[in-house]
Amino acid sequence: MDKAKEQVRLQGDRPYVLQDAIKSCRKGGTISVPGAYVGASDAVPMGAFMNRGLTMKSGQTHMPNYMKRLLKKIESNEIDPSFVITHRVELKDAPEAYKTFRDKKDRCIKVVLYP
């Protein structure tokens, strides 16, 4: 039902992710929802959320907090984030690449733009 609502644009978000998080979280646990959610969802299992005594935290990632430490780890080859890059395009193609990302087409996860 959720997928059908997405396709006809009756639902802007993907509630099955939140549904699974609520169903999977231990009683008294915390669900963290980082990132950008832009749509509304009518399929959140609030009964399960309440009965399990869950806490939900959300918000944009505080990148200034982490940027320097992460950059050092990347520069020292401690971590390699390149596995999330699925598309590389020229800057002029950014609007189309954004649509691909937004619409979850072509298994798009992260786009790198080249000037």
PDB file of N, CA and C in Angstrom:
ATOM      1  N   MET A   1       0.813  -1.192   0.000  1.00  0.00           N
ATOM      2  CA  MET A   1       0.000   0.000   0.000  1.00  0.00           C
ATOM      3  C   MET A   1       0.862   1.264   0.000  1.00  0.00           C
ATOM      4  N   ASP A   2       1.943   1.222   0.816  1.00  0.00           N
ATOM      5  CA  ASP A   2       2.835   2.387   0.882  1.00  0.00           C
ATOM      6  C   ASP A   2       3.460   2.687  -0.476  1.00  0.00           C
ATOM      7  N   LYS A   3       3.915   1.639  -1.165  1.00  0.00           N
ATOM      8  CA  LYS A   3       4.541   1.828  -2.488  1.00  0.00           C
ATOM      9  C   LYS A   3       3.532   2.416  -3.473  1.00  0.00           C
ATOM     10  N   ALA A   4       2.298   1.944  -3.429  1.00  0.00           N
ATOM     11  CA  ALA A   4       1.260   2.450  -4.329  1.00  0.00           C
ATOM     12  C   ALA A   4       0.996   3.930  -4.053  1.00  0.00           C
ATOM     13  N   LYS A   5       0.916   4.302  -2.794  1.00  0.00           N
ATOM     14  CA  LYS A   5       0.701   5.707  -2.446  1.00  0.00           C
ATOM     15  C   LYS A   5       1.855   6.580  -2.928  1.00  0.00           C
ATOM     16  N   GLU A   6       3.089   6.068  -2.831  1.00  0.00           N
ATOM     17  CA  GLU A   6       4.243   6.818  -3.332  1.00  0.00           C
ATOM     18  C   GLU A   6       4.120   7.071  -4.828  1.00  0.00           C
ATOM     19  N   GLN A   7       3.757   6.037  -5.559  1.00  0.00           N
ATOM     20  CA  GLN A   7       3.692   6.125  -7.014  1.00  0.00           C
ATOM     21  C   GLN A   7       2.668   7.161  -7.495  1.00  0.00           C
ATOM     22  N   VAL A   8       1.552   7.275  -6.799  1.00  0.00           N
ATOM     23  CA  VAL A   8       0.526   8.258  -7.204  1.00  0.00           C
ATOM     24  C   VAL A   8       0.635   9.551  -6.408  1.00  0.00           C
ATOM     25  N   ARG A   9       1.739   9.691  -5.716  1.00  0.00           N
ATOM     26  CA  ARG A   9       2.084  10.895  -4.959  1.00  0.00           C
ATOM     27  C   ARG A   9       1.052  11.270  -3.889  1.00  0.00           C
ATOM     28  N   LEU A  10       0.480  10.257  -3.263  1.00  0.00           N
ATOM     29  CA  LEU A  10      -0.397  10.496  -2.120  1.00  0.00           C
ATOM     30  C   LEU A  10       0.402  10.495  -0.827  1.00  0.00           C
ATOM     31  N   GLN A  11       1.640  10.105  -0.924  1.00  0.00           N
ATOM     32  CA  GLN A  11       2.502  10.004   0.243  1.00  0.00           C
ATOM     33  C   GLN A  11       3.906  10.438  -0.165  1.00  0.00           C
ATOM     34  N   GLY A  12       4.460  11.394   0.586  1.00  0.00           N
ATOM     35  CA  GLY A  12       5.756  11.928   0.207  1.00  0.00           C
ATOM     36  C   GLY A  12       6.933  11.226   0.827  1.00  0.00           C
ATOM     37  N   ASP A  13       6.701  10.425   1.841  1.00  0.00           N
ATOM     38  CA  ASP A  13       7.802   9.752   2.519  1.00  0.00           C
ATOM     39  C   ASP A  13       7.691   8.251   2.352  1.00  0.00           C
ATOM     40  N   ARG A  14       8.646   7.538   2.917  1.00  0.00           N
ATOM     41  CA  ARG A  14       8.661   6.077   2.852  1.00  0.00           C
ATOM     42  C   ARG A  14       8.462   5.537   4.265  1.00  0.00           C
ATOM     43  N   PRO A  15       7.209   5.411   4.685  1.00  0.00           N
ATOM     44  CA  PRO A  15       6.929   5.067   6.081  1.00  0.00           C
ATOM     45  C   PRO A  15       7.358   3.665   6.482  1.00  0.00           C
ATOM     46  N   TYR A  16       7.581   2.772   5.517  1.00  0.00           N
ATOM     47  CA  TYR A  16       7.954   1.407   5.872  1.00  0.00           C
ATOM     48  C   TYR A  16       9.293   1.367   6.588  1.00  0.00           C
ATOM     49  N   VAL A  17      10.156   2.335   6.348  1.00  0.00           N
ATOM     50  CA  VAL A  17      11.435   2.392   7.059  1.00  0.00           C
ATOM     51  C   VAL A  17      11.178   2.689   8.538  1.00  0.00           C
ATOM     52  N   LEU A  18      10.329   3.671   8.803  1.00  0.00           N
ATOM     53  CA  LEU A  18       9.998   4.002  10.182  1.00  0.00           C
ATOM     54  C   LEU A  18       9.206   2.869  10.841  1.00  0.00           C
ATOM     55  N   GLN A  19       8.316   2.246  10.089  1.00  0.00           N
ATOM     56  CA  GLN A  19       7.553   1.103  10.615  1.00  0.00           C
ATOM     57  C   GLN A  19       8.506   0.000  11.066  1.00  0.00           C
ATOM     58  N   ASP A  20       9.463  -0.340  10.217  1.00  0.00           N
ATOM     59  CA  ASP A  20      10.427  -1.394  10.552  1.00  0.00           C
ATOM     60  C   ASP A  20      11.273  -1.012  11.767  1.00  0.00           C
ATOM     61  N   ALA A  21      11.669   0.266  11.849  1.00  0.00           N
ATOM     62  CA  ALA A  21      12.470   0.708  12.997  1.00  0.00           C
ATOM     63  C   ALA A  21      11.676   0.559  14.291  1.00  0.00           C
ATOM     64  N   ILE A  22      10.412   0.945  14.262  1.00  0.00           N
ATOM     65  CA  ILE A  22       9.567   0.835  15.460  1.00  0.00           C
ATOM     66  C   ILE A  22       9.379  -0.624  15.845  1.00  0.00           C
ATOM     67  N   LYS A  23       9.127  -1.469  14.873  1.00  0.00           N
ATOM     68  CA  LYS A  23       8.904  -2.891  15.157  1.00  0.00           C
ATOM     69  C   LYS A  23      10.182  -3.597  15.623  1.00  0.00           C
ATOM     70  N   SER A  24      11.338  -3.104  15.209  1.00  0.00           N
ATOM     71  CA  SER A  24      12.611  -3.754  15.517  1.00  0.00           C
ATOM     72  C   SER A  24      13.257  -3.266  16.809  1.00  0.00           C
ATOM     73  N   CYS A  25      12.875  -2.095  17.249  1.00  0.00           N
ATOM     74  CA  CYS A  25      13.528  -1.489  18.408  1.00  0.00           C
ATOM     75  C   CYS A  25      13.085  -2.182  19.704  1.00  0.00           C
ATOM     76  N   ARG A  26      14.034  -2.386  20.611  1.00  0.00           N
ATOM     77  CA  ARG A  26      13.707  -3.027  21.889  1.00  0.00           C
ATOM     78  C   ARG A  26      12.829  -2.096  22.720  1.00  0.00           C
ATOM     79  N   LYS A  27      12.102  -2.652  23.675  1.00  0.00           N
ATOM     80  CA  LYS A  27      11.262  -1.860  24.569  1.00  0.00           C
ATOM     81  C   LYS A  27      12.123  -0.838  25.302  1.00  0.00           C
ATOM     82  N   GLY A  28      11.646   0.388  25.358  1.00  0.00           N
ATOM     83  CA  GLY A  28      12.384   1.461  26.022  1.00  0.00           C
ATOM     84  C   GLY A  28      13.527   2.016  25.202  1.00  0.00           C
ATOM     85  N   GLY A  29      13.668   1.555  23.953  1.00  0.00           N
ATOM     86  CA  GLY A  29      14.779   1.971  23.099  1.00  0.00           C
ATOM     87  C   GLY A  29      14.569   3.326  22.452  1.00  0.00           C
ATOM     88  N   THR A  30      15.566   3.720  21.689  1.00  0.00           N
ATOM     89  CA  THR A  30      15.541   5.009  20.998  1.00  0.00           C
ATOM     90  C   THR A  30      15.714   4.795  19.505  1.00  0.00           C
ATOM     91  N   ILE A  31      14.885   5.458  18.732  1.00  0.00           N
ATOM     92  CA  ILE A  31      14.980   5.440  17.275  1.00  0.00           C
ATOM     93  C   ILE A  31      15.556   6.787  16.858  1.00  0.00           C
ATOM     94  N   SER A  32      16.600   6.754  16.059  1.00  0.00           N
ATOM     95  CA  SER A  32      17.219   7.975  15.564  1.00  0.00           C
ATOM     96  C   SER A  32      16.878   8.129  14.093  1.00  0.00           C
ATOM     97  N   VAL A  33      16.392   9.307  13.727  1.00  0.00           N
ATOM     98  CA  VAL A  33      15.981   9.566  12.352  1.00  0.00           C
ATOM     99  C   VAL A  33      16.751  10.789  11.837  1.00  0.00           C
ATOM    100  N   PRO A  34      18.010  10.585  11.399  1.00  0.00           N
ATOM    101  CA  PRO A  34      18.768  11.710  10.850  1.00  0.00           C
ATOM    102  C   PRO A  34      18.443  11.900   9.382  1.00  0.00           C
ATOM    103  N   GLY A  35      18.649  13.095   8.894  1.00  0.00           N
ATOM    104  CA  GLY A  35      18.457  13.323   7.468  1.00  0.00           C
ATOM    105  C   GLY A  35      17.314  14.257   7.177  1.00  0.00           C
ATOM    106  N   ALA A  36      16.872  14.240   5.942  1.00  0.00           N
ATOM    107  CA  ALA A  36      15.826  15.156   5.501  1.00  0.00           C
ATOM    108  C   ALA A  36      14.582  14.383   5.102  1.00  0.00           C
ATOM    109  N   TYR A  37      13.537  14.569   5.849  1.00  0.00           N
ATOM    110  CA  TYR A  37      12.242  13.981   5.515  1.00  0.00           C
ATOM    111  C   TYR A  37      11.329  15.126   5.129  1.00  0.00           C
ATOM    112  N   VAL A  38      10.721  15.032   3.966  1.00  0.00           N
ATOM    113  CA  VAL A  38       9.956  16.170   3.461  1.00  0.00           C
ATOM    114  C   VAL A  38       8.464  15.912   3.349  1.00  0.00           C
ATOM    115  N   GLY A  39       8.052  14.680   3.409  1.00  0.00           N
ATOM    116  CA  GLY A  39       6.639  14.390   3.193  1.00  0.00           C
ATOM    117  C   GLY A  39       5.917  14.013   4.458  1.00  0.00           C
ATOM    118  N   ALA A  40       4.635  13.751   4.281  1.00  0.00           N
ATOM    119  CA  ALA A  40       3.798  13.309   5.398  1.00  0.00           C
ATOM    120  C   ALA A  40       3.582  11.804   5.265  1.00  0.00           C
ATOM    121  N   SER A  41       3.294  11.174   6.388  1.00  0.00           N
ATOM    122  CA  SER A  41       3.058   9.739   6.379  1.00  0.00           C
ATOM    123  C   SER A  41       1.859   9.435   7.262  1.00  0.00           C
ATOM    124  N   ASP A  42       0.965   8.599   6.753  1.00  0.00           N
ATOM    125  CA  ASP A  42      -0.222   8.245   7.535  1.00  0.00           C
ATOM    126  C   ASP A  42      -0.148   6.816   8.063  1.00  0.00           C
ATOM    127  N   ALA A  43       1.010   6.197   7.964  1.00  0.00           N
ATOM    128  CA  ALA A  43       1.102   4.782   8.304  1.00  0.00           C
ATOM    129  C   ALA A  43       2.138   4.498   9.390  1.00  0.00           C
ATOM    130  N   VAL A  44       2.277   5.398  10.349  1.00  0.00           N
ATOM    131  CA  VAL A  44       3.218   5.182  11.433  1.00  0.00           C
ATOM    132  C   VAL A  44       2.495   4.427  12.550  1.00  0.00           C
ATOM    133  N   PRO A  45       3.012   3.289  12.973  1.00  0.00           N
ATOM    134  CA  PRO A  45       2.339   2.483  14.009  1.00  0.00           C
ATOM    135  C   PRO A  45       2.522   3.102  15.403  1.00  0.00           C
ATOM    136  N   MET A  46       1.753   4.142  15.684  1.00  0.00           N
ATOM    137  CA  MET A  46       1.894   4.871  16.944  1.00  0.00           C
ATOM    138  C   MET A  46       1.572   4.005  18.156  1.00  0.00           C
ATOM    139  N   GLY A  47       0.660   3.046  18.017  1.00  0.00           N
ATOM    140  CA  GLY A  47       0.350   2.149  19.128  1.00  0.00           C
ATOM    141  C   GLY A  47       1.569   1.360  19.544  1.00  0.00           C
ATOM    142  N   ALA A  48       2.259   0.775  18.568  1.00  0.00           N
ATOM    143  CA  ALA A  48       3.474   0.008  18.854  1.00  0.00           C
ATOM    144  C   ALA A  48       4.550   0.927  19.428  1.00  0.00           C
ATOM    145  N   PHE A  49       4.654   2.122  18.887  1.00  0.00           N
ATOM    146  CA  PHE A  49       5.638   3.096  19.376  1.00  0.00           C
ATOM    147  C   PHE A  49       5.388   3.409  20.850  1.00  0.00           C
ATOM    148  N   MET A  50       4.133   3.700  21.183  1.00  0.00           N
ATOM    149  CA  MET A  50       3.776   4.062  22.550  1.00  0.00           C
ATOM    150  C   MET A  50       3.880   2.864  23.496  1.00  0.00           C
ATOM    151  N   ASN A  51       3.365   1.710  23.088  1.00  0.00           N
ATOM    152  CA  ASN A  51       3.355   0.536  23.956  1.00  0.00           C
ATOM    153  C   ASN A  51       4.754   0.016  24.271  1.00  0.00           C
ATOM    154  N   ARG A  52       5.705   0.279  23.398  1.00  0.00           N
ATOM    155  CA  ARG A  52       7.085  -0.138  23.644  1.00  0.00           C
ATOM    156  C   ARG A  52       7.860   0.907  24.453  1.00  0.00           C
ATOM    157  N   GLY A  53       7.228   2.069  24.664  1.00  0.00           N
ATOM    158  CA  GLY A  53       7.892   3.128  25.430  1.00  0.00           C
ATOM    159  C   GLY A  53       9.115   3.675  24.725  1.00  0.00           C
ATOM    160  N   LEU A  54       9.005   3.853  23.403  1.00  0.00           N
ATOM    161  CA  LEU A  54      10.166   4.273  22.614  1.00  0.00           C
ATOM    162  C   LEU A  54      10.359   5.784  22.653  1.00  0.00           C
ATOM    163  N   THR A  55      11.580   6.191  22.367  1.00  0.00           N
ATOM    164  CA  THR A  55      11.936   7.595  22.202  1.00  0.00           C
ATOM    165  C   THR A  55      12.398   7.765  20.763  1.00  0.00           C
ATOM    166  N   MET A  56      12.010   8.875  20.148  1.00  0.00           N
ATOM    167  CA  MET A  56      12.467   9.149  18.784  1.00  0.00           C
ATOM    168  C   MET A  56      13.208  10.476  18.780  1.00  0.00           C
ATOM    169  N   LYS A  57      14.397  10.453  18.185  1.00  0.00           N
ATOM    170  CA  LYS A  57      15.196  11.660  18.029  1.00  0.00           C
ATOM    171  C   LYS A  57      15.401  11.884  16.544  1.00  0.00           C
ATOM    172  N   SER A  58      15.396  13.146  16.144  1.00  0.00           N
ATOM    173  CA  SER A  58      15.549  13.418  14.723  1.00  0.00           C
ATOM    174  C   SER A  58      16.265  14.743  14.505  1.00  0.00           C
ATOM    175  N   GLY A  59      16.571  15.013  13.263  1.00  0.00           N
ATOM    176  CA  GLY A  59      17.177  16.281  12.898  1.00  0.00           C
ATOM    177  C   GLY A  59      18.267  16.111  11.864  1.00  0.00           C
ATOM    178  N   GLN A  60      18.684  17.222  11.329  1.00  0.00           N
ATOM    179  CA  GLN A  60      19.783  17.219  10.383  1.00  0.00           C
ATOM    180  C   GLN A  60      21.066  16.856  11.119  1.00  0.00           C
ATOM    181  N   THR A  61      21.961  16.185  10.444  1.00  0.00           N
ATOM    182  CA  THR A  61      23.252  15.841  11.035  1.00  0.00           C
ATOM    183  C   THR A  61      24.039  17.131  11.260  1.00  0.00           C
ATOM    184  N   HIS A  62      24.657  17.252  12.402  1.00  0.00           N
ATOM    185  CA  HIS A  62      25.422  18.453  12.738  1.00  0.00           C
ATOM    186  C   HIS A  62      26.830  18.328  12.150  1.00  0.00           C
ATOM    187  N   MET A  63      26.929  18.515  10.860  1.00  0.00           N
ATOM    188  CA  MET A  63      28.188  18.292  10.144  1.00  0.00           C
ATOM    189  C   MET A  63      29.359  19.107  10.667  1.00  0.00           C
ATOM    190  N   PRO A  64      29.179  20.379  11.043  1.00  0.00           N
ATOM    191  CA  PRO A  64      30.345  21.116  11.544  1.00  0.00           C
ATOM    192  C   PRO A  64      31.020  20.401  12.719  1.00  0.00           C
ATOM    193  N   ASN A  65      30.232  19.667  13.502  1.00  0.00           N
ATOM    194  CA  ASN A  65      30.758  18.897  14.622  1.00  0.00           C
ATOM    195  C   ASN A  65      31.717  17.794  14.181  1.00  0.00           C
ATOM    196  N   TYR A  66      31.443  17.179  13.049  1.00  0.00           N
ATOM    197  CA  TYR A  66      32.144  15.969  12.625  1.00  0.00           C
ATOM    198  C   TYR A  66      33.111  16.178  11.463  1.00  0.00           C
ATOM    199  N   MET A  67      32.977  17.272  10.746  1.00  0.00           N
ATOM    200  CA  MET A  67      33.698  17.467   9.494  1.00  0.00           C
ATOM    201  C   MET A  67      35.211  17.318   9.632  1.00  0.00           C
ATOM    202  N   LYS A  68      35.836  17.995  10.587  1.00  0.00           N
ATOM    203  CA  LYS A  68      37.298  17.954  10.713  1.00  0.00           C
ATOM    204  C   LYS A  68      37.788  16.540  11.028  1.00  0.00           C
ATOM    205  N   ARG A  69      37.108  15.878  11.978  1.00  0.00           N
ATOM    206  CA  ARG A  69      37.532  14.514  12.361  1.00  0.00           C
ATOM    207  C   ARG A  69      37.369  13.539  11.199  1.00  0.00           C
ATOM    208  N   LEU A  70      36.262  13.647  10.485  1.00  0.00           N
ATOM    209  CA  LEU A  70      36.032  12.741   9.356  1.00  0.00           C
ATOM    210  C   LEU A  70      37.035  12.988   8.235  1.00  0.00           C
ATOM    211  N   LEU A  71      37.293  14.255   7.942  1.00  0.00           N
ATOM    212  CA  LEU A  71      38.243  14.584   6.887  1.00  0.00           C
ATOM    213  C   LEU A  71      39.635  14.031   7.202  1.00  0.00           C
ATOM    214  N   LYS A  72      40.048  14.120   8.451  1.00  0.00           N
ATOM    215  CA  LYS A  72      41.352  13.558   8.849  1.00  0.00           C
ATOM    216  C   LYS A  72      41.386  12.044   8.629  1.00  0.00           C
ATOM    217  N   LYS A  73      40.301  11.374   8.969  1.00  0.00           N
ATOM    218  CA  LYS A  73      40.238   9.920   8.788  1.00  0.00           C
ATOM    219  C   LYS A  73      40.260   9.543   7.305  1.00  0.00           C
ATOM    220  N   ILE A  74      39.627  10.342   6.468  1.00  0.00           N
ATOM    221  CA  ILE A  74      39.636  10.092   5.020  1.00  0.00           C
ATOM    222  C   ILE A  74      41.038  10.327   4.465  1.00  0.00           C
ATOM    223  N   GLU A  75      41.654  11.442   4.860  1.00  0.00           N
ATOM    224  CA  GLU A  75      42.993  11.779   4.366  1.00  0.00           C
ATOM    225  C   GLU A  75      44.039  10.751   4.790  1.00  0.00           C
ATOM    226  N   SER A  76      43.856  10.145   5.952  1.00  0.00           N
ATOM    227  CA  SER A  76      44.831   9.145   6.423  1.00  0.00           C
ATOM    228  C   SER A  76      44.454   7.726   5.976  1.00  0.00           C
ATOM    229  N   ASN A  77      43.473   7.621   5.092  1.00  0.00           N
ATOM    230  CA  ASN A  77      42.985   6.336   4.575  1.00  0.00           C
ATOM    231  C   ASN A  77      42.449   5.405   5.662  1.00  0.00           C
ATOM    232  N   GLU A  78      42.036   5.991   6.777  1.00  0.00           N
ATOM    233  CA  GLU A  78      41.429   5.204   7.847  1.00  0.00           C
ATOM    234  C   GLU A  78      40.026   4.753   7.440  1.00  0.00           C
ATOM    235  N   ILE A  79      39.343   5.640   6.732  1.00  0.00           N
ATOM    236  CA  ILE A  79      38.024   5.289   6.184  1.00  0.00           C
ATOM    237  C   ILE A  79      37.966   5.707   4.720  1.00  0.00           C
ATOM    238  N   ASP A  80      37.148   5.008   3.956  1.00  0.00           N
ATOM    239  CA  ASP A  80      36.985   5.295   2.534  1.00  0.00           C
ATOM    240  C   ASP A  80      35.489   5.406   2.225  1.00  0.00           C
ATOM    241  N   PRO A  81      34.996   6.642   2.079  1.00  0.00           N
ATOM    242  CA  PRO A  81      33.568   6.831   1.839  1.00  0.00           C
ATOM    243  C   PRO A  81      33.142   6.670   0.380  1.00  0.00           C
ATOM    244  N   SER A  82      34.063   6.324  -0.493  1.00  0.00           N
ATOM    245  CA  SER A  82      33.744   6.291  -1.924  1.00  0.00           C
ATOM    246  C   SER A  82      32.700   5.245  -2.297  1.00  0.00           C
ATOM    247  N   PHE A  83      32.472   4.256  -1.429  1.00  0.00           N
ATOM    248  CA  PHE A  83      31.502   3.213  -1.762  1.00  0.00           C
ATOM    249  C   PHE A  83      30.072   3.752  -1.883  1.00  0.00           C
ATOM    250  N   VAL A  84      29.798   4.923  -1.306  1.00  0.00           N
ATOM    251  CA  VAL A  84      28.442   5.463  -1.411  1.00  0.00           C
ATOM    252  C   VAL A  84      28.235   6.279  -2.682  1.00  0.00           C
ATOM    253  N   ILE A  85      29.308   6.589  -3.392  1.00  0.00           N
ATOM    254  CA  ILE A  85      29.186   7.380  -4.630  1.00  0.00           C
ATOM    255  C   ILE A  85      28.714   6.460  -5.753  1.00  0.00           C
ATOM    256  N   THR A  86      27.514   6.730  -6.220  1.00  0.00           N
ATOM    257  CA  THR A  86      26.952   5.906  -7.292  1.00  0.00           C
ATOM    258  C   THR A  86      26.921   6.628  -8.627  1.00  0.00           C
ATOM    259  N   HIS A  87      27.008   7.953  -8.604  1.00  0.00           N
ATOM    260  CA  HIS A  87      26.918   8.740  -9.834  1.00  0.00           C
ATOM    261  C   HIS A  87      27.913   9.886  -9.794  1.00  0.00           C
ATOM    262  N   ARG A  88      28.535  10.154 -10.932  1.00  0.00           N
ATOM    263  CA  ARG A  88      29.438  11.288 -11.092  1.00  0.00           C
ATOM    264  C   ARG A  88      28.999  12.024 -12.353  1.00  0.00           C
ATOM    265  N   VAL A  89      28.688  13.312 -12.203  1.00  0.00           N
ATOM    266  CA  VAL A  89      28.188  14.082 -13.342  1.00  0.00           C
ATOM    267  C   VAL A  89      28.798  15.478 -13.349  1.00  0.00           C
ATOM    268  N   GLU A  90      28.737  16.113 -14.500  1.00  0.00           N
ATOM    269  CA  GLU A  90      29.194  17.492 -14.606  1.00  0.00           C
ATOM    270  C   GLU A  90      28.168  18.409 -13.959  1.00  0.00           C
ATOM    271  N   LEU A  91      28.626  19.572 -13.540  1.00  0.00           N
ATOM    272  CA  LEU A  91      27.767  20.526 -12.852  1.00  0.00           C
ATOM    273  C   LEU A  91      26.528  20.883 -13.673  1.00  0.00           C
ATOM    274  N   LYS A  92      26.695  20.971 -14.968  1.00  0.00           N
ATOM    275  CA  LYS A  92      25.561  21.323 -15.835  1.00  0.00           C
ATOM    276  C   LYS A  92      24.447  20.273 -15.783  1.00  0.00           C
ATOM    277  N   ASP A  93      24.779  19.058 -15.380  1.00  0.00           N
ATOM    278  CA  ASP A  93      23.794  17.976 -15.309  1.00  0.00           C
ATOM    279  C   ASP A  93      23.195  17.800 -13.913  1.00  0.00           C
ATOM    280  N   ALA A  94      23.502  18.731 -13.018  1.00  0.00           N
ATOM    281  CA  ALA A  94      23.040  18.621 -11.630  1.00  0.00           C
ATOM    282  C   ALA A  94      21.520  18.537 -11.496  1.00  0.00           C
ATOM    283  N   PRO A  95      20.741  19.344 -12.211  1.00  0.00           N
ATOM    284  CA  PRO A  95      19.283  19.245 -12.036  1.00  0.00           C
ATOM    285  C   PRO A  95      18.734  17.852 -12.358  1.00  0.00           C
ATOM    286  N   GLU A  96      19.232  17.253 -13.409  1.00  0.00           N
ATOM    287  CA  GLU A  96      18.778  15.909 -13.772  1.00  0.00           C
ATOM    288  C   GLU A  96      19.267  14.869 -12.753  1.00  0.00           C
ATOM    289  N   ALA A  97      20.495  15.045 -12.279  1.00  0.00           N
ATOM    290  CA  ALA A  97      21.035  14.123 -11.274  1.00  0.00           C
ATOM    291  C   ALA A  97      20.228  14.220  -9.982  1.00  0.00           C
ATOM    292  N   TYR A  98      19.814  15.437  -9.638  1.00  0.00           N
ATOM    293  CA  TYR A  98      18.996  15.590  -8.430  1.00  0.00           C
ATOM    294  C   TYR A  98      17.671  14.838  -8.574  1.00  0.00           C
ATOM    295  N   LYS A  99      17.059  14.929  -9.743  1.00  0.00           N
ATOM    296  CA  LYS A  99      15.801  14.194  -9.975  1.00  0.00           C
ATOM    297  C   LYS A  99      16.024  12.688  -9.844  1.00  0.00           C
ATOM    298  N   THR A 100      17.141  12.211 -10.366  1.00  0.00           N
ATOM    299  CA  THR A 100      17.468  10.784 -10.252  1.00  0.00           C
ATOM    300  C   THR A 100      17.592  10.389  -8.789  1.00  0.00           C
ATOM    301  N   PHE A 101      18.293  11.229  -8.005  1.00  0.00           N
ATOM    302  CA  PHE A 101      18.445  10.975  -6.573  1.00  0.00           C
ATOM    303  C   PHE A 101      17.097  11.041  -5.863  1.00  0.00           C
ATOM    304  N   ARG A 102      16.374  12.107  -6.106  1.00  0.00           N
ATOM    305  CA  ARG A 102      15.080  12.310  -5.441  1.00  0.00           C
ATOM    306  C   ARG A 102      14.102  11.180  -5.693  1.00  0.00           C
ATOM    307  N   ASP A 103      14.070  10.721  -6.946  1.00  0.00           N
ATOM    308  CA  ASP A 103      13.110   9.690  -7.339  1.00  0.00           C
ATOM    309  C   ASP A 103      13.637   8.271  -7.129  1.00  0.00           C
ATOM    310  N   LYS A 104      14.828   8.155  -6.528  1.00  0.00           N
ATOM    311  CA  LYS A 104      15.435   6.851  -6.230  1.00  0.00           C
ATOM    312  C   LYS A 104      15.558   5.983  -7.475  1.00  0.00           C
ATOM    313  N   LYS A 105      15.965   6.598  -8.583  1.00  0.00           N
ATOM    314  CA  LYS A 105      16.146   5.863  -9.837  1.00  0.00           C
ATOM    315  C   LYS A 105      17.599   5.425  -9.971  1.00  0.00           C
ATOM    316  N   ASP A 106      17.807   4.407 -10.766  1.00  0.00           N
ATOM    317  CA  ASP A 106      19.148   3.954 -11.119  1.00  0.00           C
ATOM    318  C   ASP A 106      20.004   3.675  -9.883  1.00  0.00           C
ATOM    319  N   ARG A 107      19.369   3.235  -8.792  1.00  0.00           N
ATOM    320  CA  ARG A 107      20.067   2.912  -7.532  1.00  0.00           C
ATOM    321  C   ARG A 107      20.960   4.059  -7.042  1.00  0.00           C
ATOM    322  N   CYS A 108      20.502   5.274  -7.233  1.00  0.00           N
ATOM    323  CA  CYS A 108      21.272   6.465  -6.871  1.00  0.00           C
ATOM    324  C   CYS A 108      21.302   6.659  -5.356  1.00  0.00           C
ATOM    325  N   ILE A 109      22.523   6.758  -4.821  1.00  0.00           N
ATOM    326  CA  ILE A 109      22.716   7.023  -3.391  1.00  0.00           C
ATOM    327  C   ILE A 109      23.385   8.375  -3.181  1.00  0.00           C
ATOM    328  N   LYS A 110      24.500   8.585  -3.861  1.00  0.00           N
ATOM    329  CA  LYS A 110      25.253   9.835  -3.701  1.00  0.00           C
ATOM    330  C   LYS A 110      25.802  10.263  -5.052  1.00  0.00           C
ATOM    331  N   VAL A 111      25.631  11.550  -5.353  1.00  0.00           N
ATOM    332  CA  VAL A 111      26.101  12.105  -6.623  1.00  0.00           C
ATOM    333  C   VAL A 111      27.258  13.058  -6.340  1.00  0.00           C
ATOM    334  N   VAL A 112      28.337  12.912  -7.088  1.00  0.00           N
ATOM    335  CA  VAL A 112      29.450  13.859  -7.020  1.00  0.00           C
ATOM    336  C   VAL A 112      29.384  14.698  -8.278  1.00  0.00           C
ATOM    337  N   LEU A 113      29.453  16.031  -8.072  1.00  0.00           N
ATOM    338  CA  LEU A 113      29.389  16.974  -9.196  1.00  0.00           C
ATOM    339  C   LEU A 113      30.790  17.468  -9.539  1.00  0.00           C
ATOM    340  N   TYR A 114      31.084  17.538 -10.822  1.00  0.00           N
ATOM    341  CA  TYR A 114      32.359  18.054 -11.299  1.00  0.00           C
ATOM    342  C   TYR A 114      32.119  19.356 -12.037  1.00  0.00           C
ATOM    343  N   PRO A 115      32.829  20.435 -11.668  1.00  0.00           N
ATOM    344  CA  PRO A 115      32.662  21.722 -12.375  1.00  0.00           C
ATOM    345  C   PRO A 115      33.221  21.663 -13.787  1.00  0.00           C
TER     346      PRO A 115
END
